[in-house]
Amino acid sequence: MKKSILEIYALAVCFFTVVCFVFLIGFAGWNVVQLCAPKFTIGQSDYQRHKSDDAFRESIVSEHSYGGAPAPPSASAPPAYVPPEGAALTAAREKSLQQILDVERRSALQDLVKRSFFLAITVLIFVVHWKFAARARQNAA
């Protein structure tokens, strides 16, 4: 059975849209995991930082330090940073972790919506080209 150029083109586009569909579904699946289990999908550094109060204290102290050799004290120098202790440190760590998890969920939701748009467009392109291929097949027969 001889195929027309239009049918070959339409089937090639259908193949490409199926490949796109597979990737979009895979990435959307990951976004669903991010929405349902953001603590699992956060970055390694954020996870390590919030694992314990000691790790969190170290990270916030290093964020507030300037690094290198300490500057000589002067009248205009800001006071050294003193991290919170005890319950205040735990509360700060939990608040920081909750903010990171909220950002992870929001990012996942945004990506899921974007992928839904791409998925809808891909399905539309597939359906249109599948009909082109069917018509070309009928006309060739």
C-alpha atoms as a PDB file:
ATOM      1  CA  MET A   1       0.000   0.000   0.000  1.00  0.00           C
ATOM      2  CA  LYS A   2       1.519   3.267  -1.131  1.00  0.00           C
ATOM      3  CA  LYS A   3       1.397   6.183   1.289  1.00  0.00           C
ATOM      4  CA  SER A   4       0.977   9.798   0.229  1.00  0.00           C
ATOM      5  CA  ILE A   5       3.273  12.584   1.371  1.00  0.00           C
ATOM      6  CA  LEU A   6       0.413  14.082   3.420  1.00  0.00           C
ATOM      7  CA  GLU A   7      -0.172  10.790   5.239  1.00  0.00           C
ATOM      8  CA  ILE A   8       3.534  10.350   5.985  1.00  0.00           C
ATOM      9  CA  TYR A   9       3.731  13.932   7.282  1.00  0.00           C
ATOM     10  CA  ALA A  10       0.599  13.516   9.441  1.00  0.00           C
ATOM     11  CA  LEU A  11       1.820  10.217  10.895  1.00  0.00           C
ATOM     12  CA  ALA A  12       5.253  11.728  11.618  1.00  0.00           C
ATOM     13  CA  VAL A  13       3.602  14.579  13.522  1.00  0.00           C
ATOM     14  CA  CYS A  14       1.455  12.036  15.400  1.00  0.00           C
ATOM     15  CA  PHE A  15       4.587  10.120  16.359  1.00  0.00           C
ATOM     16  CA  PHE A  16       6.254  13.307  17.590  1.00  0.00           C
ATOM     17  CA  THR A  17       3.178  14.277  19.644  1.00  0.00           C
ATOM     18  CA  VAL A  18       3.081  10.815  21.250  1.00  0.00           C
ATOM     19  CA  VAL A  19       6.729  11.238  22.292  1.00  0.00           C
ATOM     20  CA  CYS A  20       5.909  14.681  23.716  1.00  0.00           C
ATOM     21  CA  PHE A  21       2.887  13.190  25.467  1.00  0.00           C
ATOM     22  CA  VAL A  22       5.047  10.557  27.170  1.00  0.00           C
ATOM     23  CA  PHE A  23       7.525  13.165  28.436  1.00  0.00           C
ATOM     24  CA  LEU A  24       4.759  15.513  29.593  1.00  0.00           C
ATOM     25  CA  ILE A  25       3.037  12.721  31.517  1.00  0.00           C
ATOM     26  CA  GLY A  26       6.342  11.760  33.172  1.00  0.00           C
ATOM     27  CA  PHE A  27       7.130  15.318  34.225  1.00  0.00           C
ATOM     28  CA  ALA A  28       3.537  15.886  35.374  1.00  0.00           C
ATOM     29  CA  GLY A  29       3.809  12.723  37.457  1.00  0.00           C
ATOM     30  CA  TRP A  30       6.853  14.165  39.186  1.00  0.00           C
ATOM     31  CA  ASN A  31       4.907  17.379  39.834  1.00  0.00           C
ATOM     32  CA  VAL A  32       2.170  15.330  41.503  1.00  0.00           C
ATOM     33  CA  VAL A  33       4.830  13.759  43.747  1.00  0.00           C
ATOM     34  CA  GLN A  34       6.109  17.275  44.552  1.00  0.00           C
ATOM     35  CA  LEU A  35       2.584  18.341  45.505  1.00  0.00           C
ATOM     36  CA  CYS A  36       1.880  15.274  47.639  1.00  0.00           C
ATOM     37  CA  ALA A  37       5.320  14.802  49.234  1.00  0.00           C
ATOM     38  CA  PRO A  38       7.290  18.066  49.046  1.00  0.00           C
ATOM     39  CA  LYS A  39       9.576  17.002  51.880  1.00  0.00           C
ATOM     40  CA  PHE A  40      10.759  14.139  49.644  1.00  0.00           C
ATOM     41  CA  THR A  41      11.449  16.377  46.643  1.00  0.00           C
ATOM     42  CA  ILE A  42      13.175  19.374  48.261  1.00  0.00           C
ATOM     43  CA  GLY A  43      16.857  19.837  47.496  1.00  0.00           C
ATOM     44  CA  GLN A  44      19.511  17.973  49.412  1.00  0.00           C
ATOM     45  CA  SER A  45      20.972  21.119  51.000  1.00  0.00           C
ATOM     46  CA  ASP A  46      17.575  22.277  52.288  1.00  0.00           C
ATOM     47  CA  TYR A  47      16.865  18.809  53.643  1.00  0.00           C
ATOM     48  CA  GLN A  48      20.215  18.612  55.466  1.00  0.00           C
ATOM     49  CA  ARG A  49      19.838  22.138  56.809  1.00  0.00           C
ATOM     50  CA  HIS A  50      16.471  21.408  58.421  1.00  0.00           C
ATOM     51  CA  LYS A  51      17.262  17.922  59.701  1.00  0.00           C
ATOM     52  CA  SER A  52      18.119  19.070  63.227  1.00  0.00           C
ATOM     53  CA  ASP A  53      18.378  22.194  65.337  1.00  0.00           C
ATOM     54  CA  ASP A  54      22.181  21.937  65.352  1.00  0.00           C
ATOM     55  CA  ALA A  55      22.359  21.762  61.539  1.00  0.00           C
ATOM     56  CA  PHE A  56      19.946  24.683  61.246  1.00  0.00           C
ATOM     57  CA  ARG A  57      21.933  26.745  63.762  1.00  0.00           C
ATOM     58  CA  GLU A  58      25.151  26.128  61.811  1.00  0.00           C
ATOM     59  CA  SER A  59      23.522  27.150  58.547  1.00  0.00           C
ATOM     60  CA  ILE A  60      22.051  30.398  59.843  1.00  0.00           C
ATOM     61  CA  VAL A  61      25.283  31.338  61.602  1.00  0.00           C
ATOM     62  CA  SER A  62      27.231  30.759  58.373  1.00  0.00           C
ATOM     63  CA  GLU A  63      24.644  32.817  56.450  1.00  0.00           C
ATOM     64  CA  HIS A  64      25.154  35.732  58.816  1.00  0.00           C
ATOM     65  CA  SER A  65      28.932  35.561  58.941  1.00  0.00           C
ATOM     66  CA  TYR A  66      31.036  37.394  56.410  1.00  0.00           C
ATOM     67  CA  GLY A  67      33.598  34.617  56.033  1.00  0.00           C
ATOM     68  CA  GLY A  68      37.358  34.998  56.077  1.00  0.00           C
ATOM     69  CA  ALA A  69      39.297  36.567  58.944  1.00  0.00           C
ATOM     70  CA  PRO A  70      37.227  38.510  61.457  1.00  0.00           C
ATOM     71  CA  ALA A  71      37.417  42.266  61.121  1.00  0.00           C
ATOM     72  CA  PRO A  72      38.847  44.210  64.025  1.00  0.00           C
ATOM     73  CA  PRO A  73      36.141  45.586  66.301  1.00  0.00           C
ATOM     74  CA  SER A  74      35.213  49.178  65.679  1.00  0.00           C
ATOM     75  CA  ALA A  75      32.578  51.561  66.866  1.00  0.00           C
ATOM     76  CA  SER A  76      30.588  51.303  63.619  1.00  0.00           C
ATOM     77  CA  ALA A  77      30.784  47.502  63.243  1.00  0.00           C
ATOM     78  CA  PRO A  78      27.477  45.670  63.646  1.00  0.00           C
ATOM     79  CA  PRO A  79      27.199  43.320  66.605  1.00  0.00           C
ATOM     80  CA  ALA A  80      27.928  39.643  66.001  1.00  0.00           C
ATOM     81  CA  TYR A  81      24.904  37.541  65.074  1.00  0.00           C
ATOM     82  CA  VAL A  82      23.557  35.412  67.894  1.00  0.00           C
ATOM     83  CA  PRO A  83      21.261  32.611  66.715  1.00  0.00           C
ATOM     84  CA  PRO A  84      18.135  31.755  68.674  1.00  0.00           C
ATOM     85  CA  GLU A  85      18.368  28.934  71.198  1.00  0.00           C
ATOM     86  CA  GLY A  86      16.077  26.185  72.450  1.00  0.00           C
ATOM     87  CA  ALA A  87      12.404  26.432  71.566  1.00  0.00           C
ATOM     88  CA  ALA A  88      12.960  29.617  69.545  1.00  0.00           C
ATOM     89  CA  LEU A  89      15.512  27.821  67.342  1.00  0.00           C
ATOM     90  CA  THR A  90      13.161  24.876  66.831  1.00  0.00           C
ATOM     91  CA  ALA A  91      10.313  27.247  65.938  1.00  0.00           C
ATOM     92  CA  ALA A  92      12.532  29.133  63.475  1.00  0.00           C
ATOM     93  CA  ARG A  93      13.651  25.848  61.875  1.00  0.00           C
ATOM     94  CA  GLU A  94      10.078  24.591  61.553  1.00  0.00           C
ATOM     95  CA  LYS A  95       8.913  27.916  60.108  1.00  0.00           C
ATOM     96  CA  SER A  96      11.778  27.904  57.603  1.00  0.00           C
ATOM     97  CA  LEU A  97      11.021  24.305  56.607  1.00  0.00           C
ATOM     98  CA  GLN A  98       7.334  25.114  56.167  1.00  0.00           C
ATOM     99  CA  GLN A  99       8.227  28.043  53.895  1.00  0.00           C
ATOM    100  CA  ILE A 100      10.453  25.799  51.777  1.00  0.00           C
ATOM    101  CA  LEU A 101       7.717  23.168  51.526  1.00  0.00           C
ATOM    102  CA  ASP A 102       5.188  25.850  50.514  1.00  0.00           C
ATOM    103  CA  VAL A 103       7.540  27.071  47.779  1.00  0.00           C
ATOM    104  CA  GLU A 104       8.019  23.480  46.581  1.00  0.00           C
ATOM    105  CA  ARG A 105       4.245  22.925  46.399  1.00  0.00           C
ATOM    106  CA  ARG A 106       3.643  26.221  44.606  1.00  0.00           C
ATOM    107  CA  SER A 107       6.378  25.504  42.085  1.00  0.00           C
ATOM    108  CA  ALA A 108       4.946  22.031  41.472  1.00  0.00           C
ATOM    109  CA  LEU A 109       1.457  23.442  40.955  1.00  0.00           C
ATOM    110  CA  GLN A 110       2.743  26.055  38.514  1.00  0.00           C
ATOM    111  CA  ASP A 111       4.639  23.419  36.548  1.00  0.00           C
ATOM    112  CA  LEU A 112       1.626  21.115  36.542  1.00  0.00           C
ATOM    113  CA  VAL A 113      -0.596  23.865  35.118  1.00  0.00           C
ATOM    114  CA  LYS A 114       2.017  24.687  32.447  1.00  0.00           C
ATOM    115  CA  ARG A 115       2.289  21.026  31.494  1.00  0.00           C
ATOM    116  CA  SER A 116      -1.498  20.758  31.332  1.00  0.00           C
ATOM    117  CA  PHE A 117      -1.564  23.522  28.733  1.00  0.00           C
ATOM    118  CA  PHE A 118       1.178  21.827  26.718  1.00  0.00           C
ATOM    119  CA  LEU A 119      -0.632  18.512  27.054  1.00  0.00           C
ATOM    120  CA  ALA A 120      -3.880  20.010  25.751  1.00  0.00           C
ATOM    121  CA  ILE A 121      -2.073  21.534  22.769  1.00  0.00           C
ATOM    122  CA  THR A 122      -0.261  18.264  22.076  1.00  0.00           C
ATOM    123  CA  VAL A 123      -3.512  16.290  22.155  1.00  0.00           C
ATOM    124  CA  LEU A 124      -5.146  18.810  19.817  1.00  0.00           C
ATOM    125  CA  ILE A 125      -2.251  18.585  17.346  1.00  0.00           C
ATOM    126  CA  PHE A 126      -2.367  14.783  17.542  1.00  0.00           C
ATOM    127  CA  VAL A 127      -6.122  14.599  16.846  1.00  0.00           C
ATOM    128  CA  VAL A 128      -5.929  17.014  13.913  1.00  0.00           C
ATOM    129  CA  HIS A 129      -3.024  15.190  12.293  1.00  0.00           C
ATOM    130  CA  TRP A 130      -4.532  11.764  12.945  1.00  0.00           C
ATOM    131  CA  LYS A 131      -7.604  12.913  11.001  1.00  0.00           C
ATOM    132  CA  PHE A 132      -5.333  14.228   8.220  1.00  0.00           C
ATOM    133  CA  ALA A 133      -3.670  10.827   8.033  1.00  0.00           C
ATOM    134  CA  ALA A 134      -7.022   9.027   7.943  1.00  0.00           C
ATOM    135  CA  ARG A 135      -8.295  11.266   5.129  1.00  0.00           C
ATOM    136  CA  ALA A 136      -5.087  10.861   3.161  1.00  0.00           C
ATOM    137  CA  ARG A 137      -5.376   7.077   3.564  1.00  0.00           C
ATOM    138  CA  GLN A 138      -8.994   7.151   2.308  1.00  0.00           C
ATOM    139  CA  ASN A 139      -8.089   9.343  -0.675  1.00  0.00           C
ATOM    140  CA  ALA A 140      -5.200   7.074  -1.623  1.00  0.00           C
ATOM    141  CA  ALA A 141      -7.436   3.986  -1.623  1.00  0.00           C
END
